[in-house]
Amino acid sequence: MTDQQLRKQAHDTDVTVWVGKSGIDAVTGELSDQLQDRELVKVKFLRAARGGTNTDELAAELADAVDAELVETRGNTAVLH
């Protein structure tokens, strides 16, 4: 599936993982499980998680942590594949 097709599919996908003040380490297990069950997972980064970093950096870090592909970030939300 191309990135464009994934982005289109992500548009109708609900956020199922929220990253809060506990950071990305707190959600890697849950995210890995969800990625096994579905093609795309939408992750929302709450203000407490962002601190001094931006969503792009956090999303890239999270994608690396679960060995996933970062499809896109928009606002404070990222889509992983």
PDB file of N, CA and C in Angstrom:
ATOM      1  N   MET A   1       0.844  -1.183   0.000  1.00  0.00           N
ATOM      2  CA  MET A   1       0.000   0.000   0.000  1.00  0.00           C
ATOM      3  C   MET A   1       0.890   1.247   0.000  1.00  0.00           C
ATOM      4  N   THR A   2       0.572   2.226  -0.821  1.00  0.00           N
ATOM      5  CA  THR A   2       1.386   3.439  -0.882  1.00  0.00           C
ATOM      6  C   THR A   2       1.094   4.336   0.318  1.00  0.00           C
ATOM      7  N   ASP A   3       2.002   5.273   0.561  1.00  0.00           N
ATOM      8  CA  ASP A   3       1.795   6.225   1.660  1.00  0.00           C
ATOM      9  C   ASP A   3       0.511   7.015   1.456  1.00  0.00           C
ATOM     10  N   GLN A   4       0.215   7.351   0.208  1.00  0.00           N
ATOM     11  CA  GLN A   4      -0.999   8.112  -0.072  1.00  0.00           C
ATOM     12  C   GLN A   4      -2.253   7.302   0.301  1.00  0.00           C
ATOM     13  N   GLN A   5      -2.249   6.011  -0.034  1.00  0.00           N
ATOM     14  CA  GLN A   5      -3.385   5.155   0.319  1.00  0.00           C
ATOM     15  C   GLN A   5      -3.496   5.020   1.833  1.00  0.00           C
ATOM     16  N   LEU A   6      -2.353   4.886   2.506  1.00  0.00           N
ATOM     17  CA  LEU A   6      -2.360   4.772   3.970  1.00  0.00           C
ATOM     18  C   LEU A   6      -2.899   6.042   4.609  1.00  0.00           C
ATOM     19  N   ARG A   7      -2.481   7.202   4.081  1.00  0.00           N
ATOM     20  CA  ARG A   7      -2.979   8.468   4.629  1.00  0.00           C
ATOM     21  C   ARG A   7      -4.490   8.582   4.471  1.00  0.00           C
ATOM     22  N   LYS A   8      -4.985   8.165   3.313  1.00  0.00           N
ATOM     23  CA  LYS A   8      -6.422   8.219   3.060  1.00  0.00           C
ATOM     24  C   LYS A   8      -7.167   7.312   4.052  1.00  0.00           C
ATOM     25  N   GLN A   9      -6.631   6.119   4.263  1.00  0.00           N
ATOM     26  CA  GLN A   9      -7.237   5.179   5.205  1.00  0.00           C
ATOM     27  C   GLN A   9      -7.163   5.733   6.633  1.00  0.00           C
ATOM     28  N   ALA A  10      -6.073   6.407   6.956  1.00  0.00           N
ATOM     29  CA  ALA A  10      -5.879   6.946   8.306  1.00  0.00           C
ATOM     30  C   ALA A  10      -6.898   8.028   8.635  1.00  0.00           C
ATOM     31  N   HIS A  11      -7.378   8.709   7.613  1.00  0.00           N
ATOM     32  CA  HIS A  11      -8.333   9.791   7.822  1.00  0.00           C
ATOM     33  C   HIS A  11      -9.558   9.310   8.605  1.00  0.00           C
ATOM     34  N   ASP A  12     -10.009   8.103   8.341  1.00  0.00           N
ATOM     35  CA  ASP A  12     -11.199   7.565   8.996  1.00  0.00           C
ATOM     36  C   ASP A  12     -10.883   6.705  10.223  1.00  0.00           C
ATOM     37  N   THR A  13      -9.610   6.633  10.586  1.00  0.00           N
ATOM     38  CA  THR A  13      -9.192   5.829  11.729  1.00  0.00           C
ATOM     39  C   THR A  13      -9.262   6.665  13.004  1.00  0.00           C
ATOM     40  N   ASP A  14      -9.785   6.076  14.063  1.00  0.00           N
ATOM     41  CA  ASP A  14      -9.852   6.770  15.348  1.00  0.00           C
ATOM     42  C   ASP A  14      -8.536   6.637  16.103  1.00  0.00           C
ATOM     43  N   VAL A  15      -8.258   7.614  16.964  1.00  0.00           N
ATOM     44  CA  VAL A  15      -7.089   7.539  17.843  1.00  0.00           C
ATOM     45  C   VAL A  15      -7.321   6.412  18.850  1.00  0.00           C
ATOM     46  N   THR A  16      -6.351   5.503  18.969  1.00  0.00           N
ATOM     47  CA  THR A  16      -6.496   4.407  19.928  1.00  0.00           C
ATOM     48  C   THR A  16      -5.357   4.367  20.944  1.00  0.00           C
ATOM     49  N   VAL A  17      -4.341   5.213  20.755  1.00  0.00           N
ATOM     50  CA  VAL A  17      -3.244   5.283  21.716  1.00  0.00           C
ATOM     51  C   VAL A  17      -3.004   6.753  22.049  1.00  0.00           C
ATOM     52  N   TRP A  18      -2.964   7.047  23.346  1.00  0.00           N
ATOM     53  CA  TRP A  18      -2.685   8.403  23.802  1.00  0.00           C
ATOM     54  C   TRP A  18      -1.383   8.383  24.584  1.00  0.00           C
ATOM     55  N   VAL A  19      -0.473   9.294  24.239  1.00  0.00           N
ATOM     56  CA  VAL A  19       0.791   9.412  24.959  1.00  0.00           C
ATOM     57  C   VAL A  19       0.673  10.618  25.881  1.00  0.00           C
ATOM     58  N   GLY A  20       0.804  10.361  27.184  1.00  0.00           N
ATOM     59  CA  GLY A  20       0.672  11.423  28.179  1.00  0.00           C
ATOM     60  C   GLY A  20       1.979  11.688  28.886  1.00  0.00           C
ATOM     61  N   LYS A  21       1.882  12.114  30.146  1.00  0.00           N
ATOM     62  CA  LYS A  21       3.083  12.519  30.871  1.00  0.00           C
ATOM     63  C   LYS A  21       4.033  11.358  31.156  1.00  0.00           C
ATOM     64  N   SER A  22       3.567  10.121  31.053  1.00  0.00           N
ATOM     65  CA  SER A  22       4.454   8.968  31.271  1.00  0.00           C
ATOM     66  C   SER A  22       5.365   8.716  30.073  1.00  0.00           C
ATOM     67  N   GLY A  23       5.084   9.387  28.967  1.00  0.00           N
ATOM     68  CA  GLY A  23       5.952   9.302  27.797  1.00  0.00           C
ATOM     69  C   GLY A  23       5.696   8.093  26.919  1.00  0.00           C
ATOM     70  N   ILE A  24       6.547   7.938  25.901  1.00  0.00           N
ATOM     71  CA  ILE A  24       6.326   6.884  24.914  1.00  0.00           C
ATOM     72  C   ILE A  24       6.610   5.489  25.460  1.00  0.00           C
ATOM     73  N   ASP A  25       7.488   5.397  26.459  1.00  0.00           N
ATOM     74  CA  ASP A  25       7.801   4.073  27.028  1.00  0.00           C
ATOM     75  C   ASP A  25       6.551   3.404  27.597  1.00  0.00           C
ATOM     76  N   ALA A  26       5.619   4.221  28.077  1.00  0.00           N
ATOM     77  CA  ALA A  26       4.409   3.689  28.707  1.00  0.00           C
ATOM     78  C   ALA A  26       3.436   3.078  27.692  1.00  0.00           C
ATOM     79  N   VAL A  27       3.595   3.378  26.411  1.00  0.00           N
ATOM     80  CA  VAL A  27       2.621   2.901  25.420  1.00  0.00           C
ATOM     81  C   VAL A  27       3.199   1.943  24.388  1.00  0.00           C
ATOM     82  N   THR A  28       4.495   1.652  24.447  1.00  0.00           N
ATOM     83  CA  THR A  28       5.100   0.819  23.397  1.00  0.00           C
ATOM     84  C   THR A  28       4.494  -0.579  23.354  1.00  0.00           C
ATOM     85  N   GLY A  29       4.214  -1.176  24.492  1.00  0.00           N
ATOM     86  CA  GLY A  29       3.621  -2.516  24.515  1.00  0.00           C
ATOM     87  C   GLY A  29       2.243  -2.534  23.881  1.00  0.00           C
ATOM     88  N   GLU A  30       1.418  -1.590  24.296  1.00  0.00           N
ATOM     89  CA  GLU A  30       0.059  -1.492  23.759  1.00  0.00           C
ATOM     90  C   GLU A  30       0.091  -1.207  22.255  1.00  0.00           C
ATOM     91  N   LEU A  31       0.969  -0.319  21.849  1.00  0.00           N
ATOM     92  CA  LEU A  31       1.065   0.034  20.431  1.00  0.00           C
ATOM     93  C   LEU A  31       1.519  -1.165  19.602  1.00  0.00           C
ATOM     94  N   SER A  32       2.480  -1.919  20.093  1.00  0.00           N
ATOM     95  CA  SER A  32       2.940  -3.121  19.384  1.00  0.00           C
ATOM     96  C   SER A  32       1.791  -4.106  19.193  1.00  0.00           C
ATOM     97  N   ASP A  33       1.016  -4.311  20.251  1.00  0.00           N
ATOM     98  CA  ASP A  33      -0.145  -5.213  20.169  1.00  0.00           C
ATOM     99  C   ASP A  33      -1.137  -4.736  19.119  1.00  0.00           C
ATOM    100  N   GLN A  34      -1.421  -3.441  19.128  1.00  0.00           N
ATOM    101  CA  GLN A  34      -2.395  -2.898  18.186  1.00  0.00           C
ATOM    102  C   GLN A  34      -1.888  -3.005  16.743  1.00  0.00           C
ATOM    103  N   LEU A  35      -0.597  -2.800  16.539  1.00  0.00           N
ATOM    104  CA  LEU A  35      -0.038  -2.886  15.184  1.00  0.00           C
ATOM    105  C   LEU A  35      -0.093  -4.314  14.639  1.00  0.00           C
ATOM    106  N   GLN A  36      -0.090  -5.295  15.535  1.00  0.00           N
ATOM    107  CA  GLN A  36      -0.221  -6.686  15.090  1.00  0.00           C
ATOM    108  C   GLN A  36      -1.647  -6.971  14.625  1.00  0.00           C
ATOM    109  N   ASP A  37      -2.611  -6.284  15.257  1.00  0.00           N
ATOM    110  CA  ASP A  37      -4.023  -6.524  14.960  1.00  0.00           C
ATOM    111  C   ASP A  37      -4.557  -5.704  13.793  1.00  0.00           C
ATOM    112  N   ARG A  38      -3.968  -4.548  13.547  1.00  0.00           N
ATOM    113  CA  ARG A  38      -4.475  -3.686  12.474  1.00  0.00           C
ATOM    114  C   ARG A  38      -3.345  -3.040  11.698  1.00  0.00           C
ATOM    115  N   GLU A  39      -3.707  -2.575  10.522  1.00  0.00           N
ATOM    116  CA  GLU A  39      -2.703  -2.023   9.621  1.00  0.00           C
ATOM    117  C   GLU A  39      -2.190  -0.661  10.070  1.00  0.00           C
ATOM    118  N   LEU A  40      -3.107   0.157  10.568  1.00  0.00           N
ATOM    119  CA  LEU A  40      -2.759   1.515  10.984  1.00  0.00           C
ATOM    120  C   LEU A  40      -3.182   1.761  12.422  1.00  0.00           C
ATOM    121  N   VAL A  41      -2.348   2.517  13.132  1.00  0.00           N
ATOM    122  CA  VAL A  41      -2.710   2.944  14.484  1.00  0.00           C
ATOM    123  C   VAL A  41      -2.467   4.440  14.563  1.00  0.00           C
ATOM    124  N   LYS A  42      -3.477   5.149  15.078  1.00  0.00           N
ATOM    125  CA  LYS A  42      -3.368   6.596  15.233  1.00  0.00           C
ATOM    126  C   LYS A  42      -3.022   6.888  16.691  1.00  0.00           C
ATOM    127  N   VAL A  43      -1.992   7.717  16.878  1.00  0.00           N
ATOM    128  CA  VAL A  43      -1.481   8.040  18.211  1.00  0.00           C
ATOM    129  C   VAL A  43      -1.602   9.538  18.437  1.00  0.00           C
ATOM    130  N   LYS A  44      -2.140   9.913  19.589  1.00  0.00           N
ATOM    131  CA  LYS A  44      -2.253  11.338  19.930  1.00  0.00           C
ATOM    132  C   LYS A  44      -1.268  11.644  21.047  1.00  0.00           C
ATOM    133  N   PHE A  45      -0.494  12.713  20.851  1.00  0.00           N
ATOM    134  CA  PHE A  45       0.470  13.150  21.861  1.00  0.00           C
ATOM    135  C   PHE A  45      -0.132  14.304  22.642  1.00  0.00           C
ATOM    136  N   LEU A  46      -0.425  14.061  23.916  1.00  0.00           N
ATOM    137  CA  LEU A  46      -1.000  15.090  24.775  1.00  0.00           C
ATOM    138  C   LEU A  46       0.078  16.103  25.153  1.00  0.00           C
ATOM    139  N   ARG A  47      -0.341  17.270  25.582  1.00  0.00           N
ATOM    140  CA  ARG A  47       0.604  18.345  25.897  1.00  0.00           C
ATOM    141  C   ARG A  47       1.658  17.897  26.917  1.00  0.00           C
ATOM    142  N   ALA A  48       1.250  17.120  27.901  1.00  0.00           N
ATOM    143  CA  ALA A  48       2.167  16.661  28.943  1.00  0.00           C
ATOM    144  C   ALA A  48       3.297  15.805  28.370  1.00  0.00           C
ATOM    145  N   ALA A  49       3.029  15.098  27.279  1.00  0.00           N
ATOM    146  CA  ALA A  49       4.039  14.227  26.676  1.00  0.00           C
ATOM    147  C   ALA A  49       5.032  15.031  25.856  1.00  0.00           C
ATOM    148  N   ARG A  50       4.581  16.123  25.279  1.00  0.00           N
ATOM    149  CA  ARG A  50       5.430  16.864  24.347  1.00  0.00           C
ATOM    150  C   ARG A  50       6.539  17.616  25.041  1.00  0.00           C
ATOM    151  N   GLY A  51       6.261  18.211  26.177  1.00  0.00           N
ATOM    152  CA  GLY A  51       7.299  18.955  26.882  1.00  0.00           C
ATOM    153  C   GLY A  51       8.007  19.909  25.943  1.00  0.00           C
ATOM    154  N   GLY A  52       9.333  19.741  25.804  1.00  0.00           N
ATOM    155  CA  GLY A  52      10.101  20.631  24.940  1.00  0.00           C
ATOM    156  C   GLY A  52      10.290  20.092  23.539  1.00  0.00           C
ATOM    157  N   THR A  53       9.770  18.910  23.258  1.00  0.00           N
ATOM    158  CA  THR A  53       9.969  18.340  21.925  1.00  0.00           C
ATOM    159  C   THR A  53       8.704  18.497  21.087  1.00  0.00           C
ATOM    160  N   ASN A  54       8.852  18.298  19.783  1.00  0.00           N
ATOM    161  CA  ASN A  54       7.672  18.423  18.941  1.00  0.00           C
ATOM    162  C   ASN A  54       7.121  17.045  18.582  1.00  0.00           C
ATOM    163  N   THR A  55       5.945  17.040  18.021  1.00  0.00           N
ATOM    164  CA  THR A  55       5.245  15.796  17.706  1.00  0.00           C
ATOM    165  C   THR A  55       6.029  14.946  16.710  1.00  0.00           C
ATOM    166  N   ASP A  56       6.647  15.587  15.722  1.00  0.00           N
ATOM    167  CA  ASP A  56       7.421  14.849  14.714  1.00  0.00           C
ATOM    168  C   ASP A  56       8.537  14.027  15.358  1.00  0.00           C
ATOM    169  N   GLU A  57       9.258  14.657  16.282  1.00  0.00           N
ATOM    170  CA  GLU A  57      10.355  13.953  16.964  1.00  0.00           C
ATOM    171  C   GLU A  57       9.829  12.790  17.790  1.00  0.00           C
ATOM    172  N   LEU A  58       8.783  13.045  18.565  1.00  0.00           N
ATOM    173  CA  LEU A  58       8.204  11.991  19.409  1.00  0.00           C
ATOM    174  C   LEU A  58       7.663  10.838  18.568  1.00  0.00           C
ATOM    175  N   ALA A  59       7.007  11.168  17.469  1.00  0.00           N
ATOM    176  CA  ALA A  59       6.429  10.143  16.604  1.00  0.00           C
ATOM    177  C   ALA A  59       7.522   9.277  15.988  1.00  0.00           C
ATOM    178  N   ALA A  60       8.608   9.903  15.559  1.00  0.00           N
ATOM    179  CA  ALA A  60       9.729   9.156  14.977  1.00  0.00           C
ATOM    180  C   ALA A  60      10.355   8.242  16.028  1.00  0.00           C
ATOM    181  N   GLU A  61      10.498   8.753  17.243  1.00  0.00           N
ATOM    182  CA  GLU A  61      11.046   7.957  18.353  1.00  0.00           C
ATOM    183  C   GLU A  61      10.159   6.749  18.650  1.00  0.00           C
ATOM    184  N   LEU A  62       8.864   7.002  18.681  1.00  0.00           N
ATOM    185  CA  LEU A  62       7.900   5.940  18.975  1.00  0.00           C
ATOM    186  C   LEU A  62       7.896   4.891  17.864  1.00  0.00           C
ATOM    187  N   ALA A  63       7.959   5.330  16.624  1.00  0.00           N
ATOM    188  CA  ALA A  63       8.003   4.396  15.491  1.00  0.00           C
ATOM    189  C   ALA A  63       9.241   3.499  15.586  1.00  0.00           C
ATOM    190  N   ASP A  64      10.381   4.096  15.923  1.00  0.00           N
ATOM    191  CA  ASP A  64      11.613   3.311  16.099  1.00  0.00           C
ATOM    192  C   ASP A  64      11.463   2.301  17.225  1.00  0.00           C
ATOM    193  N   ALA A  65      10.844   2.737  18.319  1.00  0.00           N
ATOM    194  CA  ALA A  65      10.712   1.883  19.500  1.00  0.00           C
ATOM    195  C   ALA A  65       9.894   0.625  19.229  1.00  0.00           C
ATOM    196  N   VAL A  66       8.917   0.709  18.317  1.00  0.00           N
ATOM    197  CA  VAL A  66       8.068  -0.446  18.031  1.00  0.00           C
ATOM    198  C   VAL A  66       8.339  -1.022  16.638  1.00  0.00           C
ATOM    199  N   ASP A  67       9.409  -0.534  16.004  1.00  0.00           N
ATOM    200  CA  ASP A  67       9.797  -1.020  14.684  1.00  0.00           C
ATOM    201  C   ASP A  67       8.661  -0.867  13.670  1.00  0.00           C
ATOM    202  N   ALA A  68       8.079   0.334  13.649  1.00  0.00           N
ATOM    203  CA  ALA A  68       6.963   0.620  12.749  1.00  0.00           C
ATOM    204  C   ALA A  68       7.361   1.740  11.787  1.00  0.00           C
ATOM    205  N   GLU A  69       6.532   1.938  10.792  1.00  0.00           N
ATOM    206  CA  GLU A  69       6.757   3.018   9.829  1.00  0.00           C
ATOM    207  C   GLU A  69       5.861   4.185  10.198  1.00  0.00           C
ATOM    208  N   LEU A  70       6.446   5.378  10.245  1.00  0.00           N
ATOM    209  CA  LEU A  70       5.676   6.590  10.502  1.00  0.00           C
ATOM    210  C   LEU A  70       5.077   7.043   9.173  1.00  0.00           C
ATOM    211  N   VAL A  71       3.763   6.992   9.067  1.00  0.00           N
ATOM    212  CA  VAL A  71       3.087   7.357   7.820  1.00  0.00           C
ATOM    213  C   VAL A  71       2.974   8.872   7.710  1.00  0.00           C
ATOM    214  N   GLU A  72       2.502   9.513   8.777  1.00  0.00           N
ATOM    215  CA  GLU A  72       2.392  10.977   8.768  1.00  0.00           C
ATOM    216  C   GLU A  72       2.156  11.497  10.175  1.00  0.00           C
ATOM    217  N   THR A  73       2.442  12.782  10.355  1.00  0.00           N
ATOM    218  CA  THR A  73       2.035  13.481  11.581  1.00  0.00           C
ATOM    219  C   THR A  73       1.217  14.677  11.140  1.00  0.00           C
ATOM    220  N   ARG A  74       0.186  14.951  11.901  1.00  0.00           N
ATOM    221  CA  ARG A  74      -0.652  16.107  11.618  1.00  0.00           C
ATOM    222  C   ARG A  74      -1.081  16.675  12.958  1.00  0.00           C
ATOM    223  N   GLY A  75      -0.708  17.896  13.220  1.00  0.00           N
ATOM    224  CA  GLY A  75      -1.002  18.477  14.518  1.00  0.00           C
ATOM    225  C   GLY A  75      -0.272  17.691  15.597  1.00  0.00           C
ATOM    226  N   ASN A  76      -1.018  17.202  16.582  1.00  0.00           N
ATOM    227  CA  ASN A  76      -0.426  16.414  17.670  1.00  0.00           C
ATOM    228  C   ASN A  76      -0.742  14.939  17.525  1.00  0.00           C
ATOM    229  N   THR A  77      -1.050  14.529  16.310  1.00  0.00           N
ATOM    230  CA  THR A  77      -1.430  13.147  16.042  1.00  0.00           C
ATOM    231  C   THR A  77      -0.485  12.542  15.010  1.00  0.00           C
ATOM    232  N   ALA A  78      -0.144  11.279  15.219  1.00  0.00           N
ATOM    233  CA  ALA A  78       0.714  10.559  14.280  1.00  0.00           C
ATOM    234  C   ALA A  78       0.014   9.279  13.856  1.00  0.00           C
ATOM    235  N   VAL A  79       0.343   8.836  12.644  1.00  0.00           N
ATOM    236  CA  VAL A  79      -0.199   7.571  12.139  1.00  0.00           C
ATOM    237  C   VAL A  79       0.971   6.635  11.897  1.00  0.00           C
ATOM    238  N   LEU A  80       0.893   5.449  12.510  1.00  0.00           N
ATOM    239  CA  LEU A  80       1.962   4.444  12.361  1.00  0.00           C
ATOM    240  C   LEU A  80       1.427   3.239  11.623  1.00  0.00           C
ATOM    241  N   HIS A  81       2.336   2.604  10.893  1.00  0.00           N
ATOM    242  CA  HIS A  81       1.986   1.437  10.074  1.00  0.00           C
ATOM    243  C   HIS A  81       2.990   0.328  10.369  1.00  0.00           C
TER     244      HIS A  81
END
